Amino acid sequence: MGRGYIVEDVVEEYLSKLCSQQVYPVTGLLIGQSSVQRDFVVMAARTPQNEEPTGAGKSVDKDWVSEHARQVSRMLPGGLSVLGVFIISDTDAKDMLTTLRQLVFAVENLISSERLWNPADDDVTDCVTLHVNPKTRKTVCRTFDIKDSKSMAKPADWKYQSGVCSAWVTLSCWLNVDMLVPIPDSRISTDSIDKCLKEGLKVWAHQIESGLCLIDGKKMPENSELTAGQKRNVRQVYTAQLLITPDVQRLADVVQPCGGSVSIRGVIHSKAFLHSNKPKAKLAEKLLKRDVVSTVTTRVQMLLEELLTRDEGSRNKQQTEQLCLPRRIFCPAKMTGPLCVCDYQFSDESLSEITDRLKEMLDIDAAEDDLDTRQEITAEVIESDDTTEPIVETVDVEPKKNNYIGVAMATAVALLATAASMLYLSDV
């Protein structure tokens, strides 16, 4: 027997609405949570229309769908992920199988290329594909094991149900982030910073994964049920703390020539959601830690993408540049219940731009009043002398002439915290 998917009934309504369109095929993403026991699909989001002509006619643009999935993946808090793809087409389901297979592998490959956390042994590697005939409304659900390049399609059970999201567990956490990434080359370019930051973030991500997680102030046994003794179908909200111990490295491992450094600092807000089917502490900890790593990585990557659009020559004329990292903003998802999605707002962006992106990427009609902007404050560049303790989340690139990063420097400042962020780019 194949995997079983419990699907929120709003997904059925959404797909039915898309079936009423006259232009096919329509592609999109299926969003939810996988577990060893069962999978939950809570949202579907159609692929935005590509304004640039591709000359592909009615064929599916694999790269366009994959890029949409990458952007959506960044907008999902802990516990929610892109589980697979759907296609609405009057072509026979068997004839669309190859297209769906190519889509689901392309989507997973692009999304996984941005992940810095390590896969777990109990991670589900099956991704779902759904074919919907717009005339008969018949659905055909299959899965592929995306860790096996030769994987064949397996049948899966697709069952709609109401109230799937009504009583999920919410786990929230505020975390101080403080990391320093040395830039060995004295000529700092966006590409070199990107490579160095990725390596530095991997080290930090390992510290997060190995950190101690307290839920409501207690270290819970891995297999203990979070909601044990609680009333069923009642929303449960928990607060978590992550206690991080920096990796101990030998002097020879960390000494290197340094042309500059990138400092990421601040306080981030992280969320994770767990299905209400006897959620375990081990899963809660894993999903929260992954959200912490993902939200920091996403912000840094977004800032680097912003830098790539700038003129390299004019930027290098300055010895030091301060740039604000975006803050995280949450928005309720389509269905009833505690689930939400998120987006990231740069200091020069308005809330209307956030609602526009939510509509484009997730097909969510959100008003500005629906947005939760309270969890993180807008970043500000604050001038201060060396004796003043920094109070904003920052990414600093500081000049280090004829210097070497050693054990003492390995503990120096590098934050993405206080719900505000800046980037300092400096040449030596």
Protein backbone atom coordinates (compact mmCIF):
# COMPACT_ATOMS: atom_id res chain seq x y z
CA MET A 1 0.00 0.00 0.00
CA GLY A 2 1.30 3.43 -0.90
CA ARG A 3 1.46 6.52 1.25
CA GLY A 4 -1.71 8.20 2.46
CA TYR A 5 -2.36 11.94 2.18
CA ILE A 6 -4.88 13.65 4.45
CA VAL A 7 -5.86 16.82 2.59
CA GLU A 8 -7.54 19.94 3.95
CA ASP A 9 -10.86 20.43 2.16
CA VAL A 10 -9.94 24.01 1.22
CA VAL A 11 -7.40 22.42 -1.14
CA GLU A 12 -10.26 20.64 -2.91
CA GLU A 13 -12.12 23.93 -3.26
CA TYR A 14 -9.01 25.65 -4.56
CA LEU A 15 -8.28 22.97 -7.17
CA SER A 16 -11.93 23.00 -8.27
CA LYS A 17 -11.70 26.74 -8.79
CA LEU A 18 -8.60 26.30 -10.94
CA CYS A 19 -10.42 23.60 -12.94
CA SER A 20 -13.00 26.19 -13.98
CA GLN A 21 -10.35 28.09 -15.94
CA GLN A 22 -10.31 27.60 -19.68
CA VAL A 23 -6.55 27.52 -20.21
CA TYR A 24 -4.61 24.35 -19.42
CA PRO A 25 -2.31 23.00 -18.18
CA VAL A 26 -2.26 24.67 -14.77
CA THR A 27 0.63 23.71 -12.50
CA GLY A 28 1.27 24.39 -8.85
CA LEU A 29 2.69 23.25 -5.53
CA LEU A 30 1.30 21.10 -2.74
CA ILE A 31 2.28 22.30 0.74
CA GLY A 32 2.05 20.49 4.04
CA GLN A 33 3.88 18.24 6.47
CA SER A 34 5.23 14.72 6.12
CA SER A 35 5.64 12.22 8.91
CA VAL A 36 6.53 8.57 9.13
CA GLN A 37 2.90 7.66 9.82
CA ARG A 38 1.04 9.92 7.37
CA ASP A 39 1.22 13.10 5.33
CA PHE A 40 -0.90 16.24 5.61
CA VAL A 41 -1.58 18.59 2.69
CA VAL A 42 -2.83 21.95 3.92
CA MET A 43 -2.32 24.31 0.97
CA ALA A 44 -2.01 24.41 -2.79
CA ALA A 45 -0.57 27.32 -4.76
CA ARG A 46 -0.67 27.68 -8.53
CA THR A 47 2.43 28.64 -10.47
CA PRO A 48 2.41 32.36 -11.37
CA GLN A 49 2.07 33.18 -15.03
CA ASN A 50 5.38 33.69 -16.78
CA GLU A 51 5.24 37.10 -18.41
CA GLU A 52 8.23 36.31 -20.62
CA PRO A 53 7.37 34.24 -23.70
CA THR A 54 9.06 30.84 -23.65
CA GLY A 55 7.88 29.48 -26.97
CA ALA A 56 6.91 26.31 -25.18
CA GLY A 57 3.24 26.46 -26.12
CA LYS A 58 1.20 24.24 -23.86
CA SER A 59 4.22 22.43 -22.45
CA VAL A 60 5.23 22.92 -18.81
CA ASP A 61 8.22 25.16 -18.03
CA LYS A 62 10.18 23.06 -15.55
CA ASP A 63 12.59 25.85 -14.60
CA TRP A 64 9.75 28.31 -13.96
CA VAL A 65 7.91 25.88 -11.70
CA SER A 66 11.11 25.07 -9.82
CA GLU A 67 11.92 28.73 -9.21
CA HIS A 68 8.41 29.26 -7.89
CA ALA A 69 8.96 26.34 -5.51
CA ARG A 70 12.24 27.86 -4.32
CA GLN A 71 10.59 31.17 -3.54
CA VAL A 72 7.65 29.51 -1.79
CA SER A 73 9.94 27.30 0.27
CA ARG A 74 11.51 30.44 1.72
CA MET A 75 8.06 31.63 2.80
CA LEU A 76 7.20 28.52 4.81
CA PRO A 77 7.93 28.38 8.56
CA GLY A 78 9.08 25.26 10.34
CA GLY A 79 6.87 22.22 9.84
CA LEU A 80 5.57 23.30 6.44
CA SER A 81 7.31 22.37 3.21
CA VAL A 82 6.70 21.79 -0.47
CA LEU A 83 5.54 18.17 -0.60
CA GLY A 84 5.14 17.95 -4.35
CA VAL A 85 3.39 19.31 -7.41
CA PHE A 86 -0.01 19.20 -9.07
CA ILE A 87 -1.09 19.63 -12.66
CA ILE A 88 -4.57 20.31 -14.03
CA SER A 89 -4.76 19.00 -17.57
CA ASP A 90 -7.25 17.33 -19.88
CA THR A 91 -4.41 15.11 -21.09
CA ASP A 92 -4.61 11.55 -19.84
CA ALA A 93 -2.89 11.03 -16.48
CA LYS A 94 -0.61 8.32 -17.90
CA ASP A 95 0.65 10.70 -20.58
CA MET A 96 1.49 13.32 -17.94
CA LEU A 97 3.48 10.95 -15.74
CA THR A 98 6.86 11.78 -17.27
CA THR A 99 6.19 15.52 -16.98
CA LEU A 100 5.17 15.19 -13.32
CA ARG A 101 8.22 13.08 -12.57
CA GLN A 102 10.54 15.68 -14.12
CA LEU A 103 8.78 18.47 -12.23
CA VAL A 104 8.94 16.89 -8.79
CA PHE A 105 12.65 16.02 -9.15
CA ALA A 106 13.53 19.50 -10.47
CA VAL A 107 11.61 21.16 -7.62
CA GLU A 108 13.25 19.06 -4.93
CA ASN A 109 16.76 19.49 -6.37
CA LEU A 110 16.49 23.29 -6.40
CA ILE A 111 14.94 23.55 -2.94
CA SER A 112 17.45 21.16 -1.37
CA SER A 113 20.36 23.12 -2.87
CA GLU A 114 19.59 25.95 -0.41
CA ARG A 115 19.27 23.76 2.69
CA LEU A 116 22.12 23.87 5.18
CA TRP A 117 20.71 21.42 7.72
CA ASN A 118 21.57 17.74 7.52
CA PRO A 119 18.87 15.21 6.56
CA ALA A 120 17.69 12.89 9.33
CA ASP A 121 17.31 9.13 9.08
CA ASP A 122 13.56 9.39 9.63
CA ASP A 123 12.98 12.08 6.99
CA VAL A 124 10.34 11.15 4.42
CA THR A 125 11.87 11.11 0.93
CA ASP A 126 8.65 10.50 -1.02
CA CYS A 127 7.27 13.49 -2.94
CA VAL A 128 3.71 13.60 -4.20
CA THR A 129 2.33 14.35 -7.66
CA LEU A 130 -1.35 14.96 -8.37
CA HIS A 131 -3.06 14.97 -11.75
CA VAL A 132 -6.52 16.54 -11.94
CA ASN A 133 -8.75 16.24 -14.98
CA PRO A 134 -10.66 19.56 -15.23
CA LYS A 135 -13.64 17.97 -17.01
CA THR A 136 -14.23 14.85 -14.93
CA ARG A 137 -12.49 16.20 -11.76
CA LYS A 138 -10.85 12.79 -11.42
CA THR A 139 -7.60 12.88 -9.42
CA VAL A 140 -4.65 10.52 -9.76
CA CYS A 141 -2.10 10.63 -6.94
CA ARG A 142 1.36 9.11 -7.17
CA THR A 143 4.63 9.44 -5.28
CA PHE A 144 8.31 9.32 -6.23
CA ASP A 145 11.29 8.69 -3.97
CA ILE A 146 13.36 11.75 -4.77
CA LYS A 147 16.49 10.20 -3.23
CA ASP A 148 16.39 7.51 -5.92
CA SER A 149 17.03 8.86 -9.41
CA LYS A 150 15.53 5.67 -10.88
CA SER A 151 12.43 5.80 -8.71
CA MET A 152 9.21 4.59 -10.31
CA ALA A 153 5.77 6.03 -9.61
CA LYS A 154 3.88 4.50 -6.70
CA PRO A 155 0.13 4.86 -6.16
CA ALA A 156 -0.94 6.89 -3.13
CA ASP A 157 -4.21 7.52 -1.33
CA TRP A 158 -5.59 11.10 -1.58
CA LYS A 159 -8.36 11.82 0.92
CA TYR A 160 -10.04 15.16 1.61
CA GLN A 161 -11.03 15.98 5.16
CA SER A 162 -12.32 19.06 6.99
CA GLY A 163 -10.54 20.64 9.93
CA VAL A 164 -7.13 19.12 9.19
CA CYS A 165 -5.40 22.28 10.49
CA SER A 166 -7.74 23.20 13.32
CA ALA A 167 -5.63 22.09 16.30
CA TRP A 168 -1.99 21.97 15.23
CA VAL A 169 0.69 22.63 17.83
CA THR A 170 2.60 25.92 17.57
CA LEU A 171 6.19 26.21 18.79
CA SER A 172 7.80 29.66 18.92
CA CYS A 173 11.30 30.79 19.75
CA TRP A 174 13.35 34.00 19.88
CA LEU A 175 17.05 33.41 19.34
CA ASN A 176 20.15 35.58 19.59
CA VAL A 177 22.38 34.91 16.60
CA ASP A 178 26.04 35.84 16.73
CA MET A 179 28.48 34.53 14.13
CA LEU A 180 31.67 35.76 12.50
CA VAL A 181 32.76 34.60 9.07
CA PRO A 182 36.29 35.53 7.92
CA ILE A 183 36.82 36.66 4.33
CA PRO A 184 40.31 35.43 3.37
CA ASP A 185 40.68 37.46 0.15
CA SER A 186 41.43 41.15 0.55
CA ARG A 187 39.37 41.77 -2.60
CA ILE A 188 35.82 41.30 -1.39
CA SER A 189 33.35 40.47 -4.13
CA THR A 190 29.78 39.32 -3.85
CA ASP A 191 30.70 35.86 -5.15
CA SER A 192 33.50 35.37 -2.61
CA ILE A 193 31.30 36.58 0.23
CA ASP A 194 28.58 34.16 -0.92
CA LYS A 195 30.97 31.21 -0.79
CA CYS A 196 32.51 32.17 2.56
CA LEU A 197 29.13 32.89 4.12
CA LYS A 198 27.77 29.53 3.05
CA GLU A 199 30.68 27.75 4.71
CA GLY A 200 30.35 29.86 7.84
CA LEU A 201 26.61 29.29 7.99
CA LYS A 202 27.17 25.53 7.71
CA VAL A 203 29.35 25.61 10.82
CA TRP A 204 26.72 27.64 12.66
CA ALA A 205 23.93 25.34 11.43
CA HIS A 206 25.78 22.39 12.95
CA GLN A 207 25.88 24.24 16.28
CA ILE A 208 22.12 24.80 16.06
CA GLU A 209 21.45 21.15 15.27
CA SER A 210 23.54 19.97 18.22
CA GLY A 211 22.13 22.61 20.61
CA LEU A 212 19.92 21.89 23.60
CA CYS A 213 16.21 22.59 23.08
CA LEU A 214 13.99 23.42 26.04
CA ILE A 215 10.22 23.39 25.58
CA ASP A 216 8.40 25.53 28.12
CA GLY A 217 11.63 25.55 30.12
CA LYS A 218 12.05 21.77 30.21
CA LYS A 219 14.13 19.24 28.31
CA MET A 220 11.56 16.69 27.19
CA PRO A 221 12.37 13.06 26.34
CA GLU A 222 12.54 12.60 22.55
CA ASN A 223 9.59 10.23 22.31
CA SER A 224 7.35 12.04 24.77
CA GLU A 225 4.12 13.46 23.39
CA LEU A 226 3.87 17.25 23.57
CA THR A 227 0.14 17.25 24.13
CA ALA A 228 0.01 14.37 26.63
CA GLY A 229 -2.67 15.11 29.23
CA GLN A 230 -4.02 18.04 27.22
CA LYS A 231 -7.53 18.31 25.82
CA ARG A 232 -7.86 17.15 22.24
CA ASN A 233 -8.71 19.60 19.45
CA VAL A 234 -7.54 22.53 21.55
CA ARG A 235 -4.83 24.81 20.19
CA GLN A 236 -1.55 24.30 21.98
CA VAL A 237 1.17 26.95 21.98
CA TYR A 238 4.64 26.28 23.38
CA THR A 239 7.70 28.47 23.85
CA ALA A 240 11.12 27.03 23.14
CA GLN A 241 14.68 28.00 24.01
CA LEU A 242 17.79 26.94 22.11
CA LEU A 243 21.02 26.75 24.11
CA ILE A 244 23.99 26.75 21.78
CA THR A 245 27.59 25.80 22.58
CA PRO A 246 30.19 26.97 20.01
CA ASP A 247 32.23 24.21 18.40
CA VAL A 248 35.64 23.66 20.00
CA GLN A 249 38.29 23.83 17.28
CA ARG A 250 42.02 23.38 17.31
CA LEU A 251 44.16 26.44 16.63
CA ALA A 252 45.41 24.92 13.36
CA ASP A 253 41.84 24.53 12.17
CA VAL A 254 40.87 28.18 12.50
CA VAL A 255 43.96 30.27 11.80
CA GLN A 256 43.86 31.72 8.31
CA PRO A 257 44.74 34.92 6.42
CA CYS A 258 41.92 37.42 6.74
CA GLY A 259 41.09 40.25 4.36
CA GLY A 260 37.84 41.08 6.13
CA SER A 261 35.02 39.52 8.10
CA VAL A 262 31.26 39.22 7.91
CA SER A 263 29.41 39.61 11.18
CA ILE A 264 25.78 38.52 11.44
CA ARG A 265 23.97 39.50 14.60
CA GLY A 266 20.53 40.09 16.03
CA VAL A 267 17.42 38.38 17.42
CA ILE A 268 15.24 36.31 15.11
CA HIS A 269 11.76 34.94 15.66
CA SER A 270 11.23 31.33 14.67
CA LYS A 271 8.05 29.26 14.41
CA ALA A 272 7.29 25.60 13.87
CA PHE A 273 3.96 23.83 13.45
CA LEU A 274 3.21 20.20 14.19
CA HIS A 275 0.20 18.13 13.18
CA SER A 276 -2.07 17.23 16.07
CA ASN A 277 -1.65 13.45 15.65
CA LYS A 278 0.33 12.79 18.84
CA PRO A 279 3.25 15.16 18.07
CA LYS A 280 6.54 14.11 19.63
CA ALA A 281 9.18 16.34 21.25
CA LYS A 282 11.86 15.01 18.88
CA LEU A 283 9.92 16.18 15.83
CA ALA A 284 9.16 19.56 17.41
CA GLU A 285 12.85 20.16 18.11
CA LYS A 286 13.91 19.09 14.62
CA LEU A 287 11.39 21.33 12.85
CA LEU A 288 12.18 24.36 15.01
CA LYS A 289 15.93 24.06 14.52
CA ARG A 290 15.48 23.73 10.78
CA ASP A 291 13.35 26.86 10.73
CA VAL A 292 16.04 28.78 12.63
CA VAL A 293 18.69 27.76 10.11
CA SER A 294 16.43 28.37 7.13
CA THR A 295 15.27 31.86 8.13
CA VAL A 296 18.82 33.08 8.75
CA THR A 297 20.11 31.53 5.53
CA THR A 298 17.21 32.99 3.55
CA ARG A 299 17.84 36.53 4.77
CA VAL A 300 21.54 36.41 4.03
CA GLN A 301 20.89 34.95 0.59
CA MET A 302 18.26 37.60 -0.17
CA LEU A 303 20.71 40.33 0.76
CA LEU A 304 23.40 38.86 -1.48
CA GLU A 305 20.91 38.67 -4.33
CA GLU A 306 20.18 42.34 -3.71
CA LEU A 307 23.90 43.12 -3.89
CA LEU A 308 24.20 41.33 -7.23
CA THR A 309 21.84 43.89 -8.75
CA ARG A 310 24.14 46.72 -7.70
CA ASP A 311 27.06 48.15 -9.56
CA GLU A 312 30.15 46.32 -8.30
CA GLY A 313 32.50 49.22 -9.04
CA SER A 314 30.56 51.86 -7.12
CA ARG A 315 30.19 49.53 -4.12
CA ASN A 316 33.91 48.82 -3.89
CA LYS A 317 34.74 52.51 -3.77
CA GLN A 318 33.52 52.55 -0.19
CA GLN A 319 35.64 51.02 2.53
CA THR A 320 32.65 50.14 4.68
CA GLU A 321 28.99 49.74 3.74
CA GLN A 322 26.09 49.04 6.07
CA LEU A 323 23.07 47.18 4.73
CA CYS A 324 19.96 46.06 6.62
CA LEU A 325 18.84 42.49 6.46
CA PRO A 326 15.08 41.99 5.99
CA ARG A 327 12.76 41.31 8.89
CA ARG A 328 10.34 38.41 9.06
CA ILE A 329 6.60 39.06 8.78
CA PHE A 330 3.94 36.40 9.31
CA CYS A 331 0.53 36.02 7.68
CA PRO A 332 -2.31 33.56 8.41
CA ALA A 333 -2.60 30.78 5.84
CA LYS A 334 -5.72 30.12 3.79
CA MET A 335 -7.38 27.65 6.15
CA THR A 336 -8.72 28.04 9.67
CA GLY A 337 -6.32 27.21 12.47
CA PRO A 338 -2.97 28.48 13.70
CA LEU A 339 -0.93 27.85 10.54
CA CYS A 340 0.78 30.82 8.95
CA VAL A 341 3.25 31.63 6.20
CA CYS A 342 5.88 34.37 6.17
CA ASP A 343 7.71 36.85 4.00
CA TYR A 344 10.71 39.13 4.45
CA GLN A 345 10.55 42.92 4.34
CA PHE A 346 13.50 45.14 3.54
CA SER A 347 13.54 48.55 5.21
CA ASP A 348 12.60 50.33 1.98
CA GLU A 349 9.61 48.11 1.25
CA SER A 350 5.97 48.80 2.10
CA LEU A 351 3.50 46.31 3.50
CA SER A 352 1.59 46.42 0.23
CA GLU A 353 4.60 44.83 -1.45
CA ILE A 354 4.37 41.96 1.04
CA THR A 355 0.68 41.38 0.29
CA ASP A 356 1.45 41.50 -3.44
CA ARG A 357 4.11 38.79 -3.05
CA LEU A 358 1.78 36.64 -0.94
CA LYS A 359 -0.77 36.84 -3.75
CA GLU A 360 1.75 36.12 -6.48
CA MET A 361 3.64 33.29 -4.77
CA LEU A 362 0.96 31.62 -2.60
CA ASP A 363 -2.26 32.98 -4.11
CA ILE A 364 -3.27 34.35 -0.71
CA ASP A 365 -5.53 37.41 -0.60
CA ALA A 366 -4.16 39.17 2.46
CA ALA A 367 -4.82 42.69 3.69
CA GLU A 368 -2.12 44.73 5.41
CA ASP A 369 -4.03 44.35 8.68
CA ASP A 370 -3.65 40.57 8.40
CA LEU A 371 0.13 40.80 8.61
CA ASP A 372 1.85 40.13 11.94
CA THR A 373 4.64 42.71 12.09
CA ARG A 374 5.11 42.56 15.87
CA GLN A 375 7.61 39.70 16.14
CA GLU A 376 10.57 41.53 14.63
CA ILE A 377 11.33 45.24 14.39
CA THR A 378 12.58 47.03 11.30
CA ALA A 379 16.37 47.13 11.09
CA GLU A 380 18.11 50.47 11.48
CA VAL A 381 21.68 51.52 10.88
CA ILE A 382 22.84 52.95 14.21
CA GLU A 383 26.13 54.78 14.44
CA SER A 384 28.11 53.86 17.56
CA ASP A 385 31.69 53.81 18.81
CA ASP A 386 33.62 50.63 19.57
CA THR A 387 32.72 50.73 23.26
CA THR A 388 29.00 50.66 22.63
CA GLU A 389 27.27 47.31 22.64
CA PRO A 390 25.53 46.73 19.29
CA ILE A 391 21.76 46.60 19.63
CA VAL A 392 20.70 45.57 16.14
CA GLU A 393 21.00 42.50 14.04
CA THR A 394 23.92 43.06 11.73
CA VAL A 395 26.12 41.58 9.09
CA ASP A 396 29.52 43.25 9.37
CA VAL A 397 32.49 43.02 7.07
CA GLU A 398 35.35 44.62 8.97
CA PRO A 399 38.90 45.27 7.66
CA LYS A 400 41.72 43.24 9.26
CA LYS A 401 45.08 44.40 7.92
CA ASN A 402 47.92 41.85 8.17
CA ASN A 403 45.81 39.86 10.58
CA TYR A 404 45.01 36.22 11.24
CA ILE A 405 41.81 34.79 12.64
CA GLY A 406 42.64 32.60 15.61
CA VAL A 407 40.78 31.01 18.50
CA ALA A 408 40.07 34.32 20.18
CA MET A 409 38.73 35.83 16.96
CA ALA A 410 36.55 32.77 16.41
CA THR A 411 34.39 33.96 19.31
CA ALA A 412 34.07 37.51 17.99
CA VAL A 413 30.77 39.11 17.12
CA ALA A 414 28.61 37.95 14.22
CA LEU A 415 24.86 38.38 14.63
CA LEU A 416 21.59 38.07 12.84
CA ALA A 417 19.43 39.01 15.77
CA THR A 418 17.45 41.68 17.61
CA ALA A 419 14.96 41.56 14.79
CA ALA A 420 17.05 44.12 12.92
CA SER A 421 19.98 43.61 10.64
CA MET A 422 22.79 45.34 8.79
CA LEU A 423 25.59 44.32 6.48
CA TYR A 424 28.99 46.01 6.63
CA LEU A 425 31.15 45.50 3.53
CA SER A 426 34.76 46.60 3.85
CA ASP A 427 37.86 46.39 1.70
CA VAL A 428 41.29 46.04 3.21
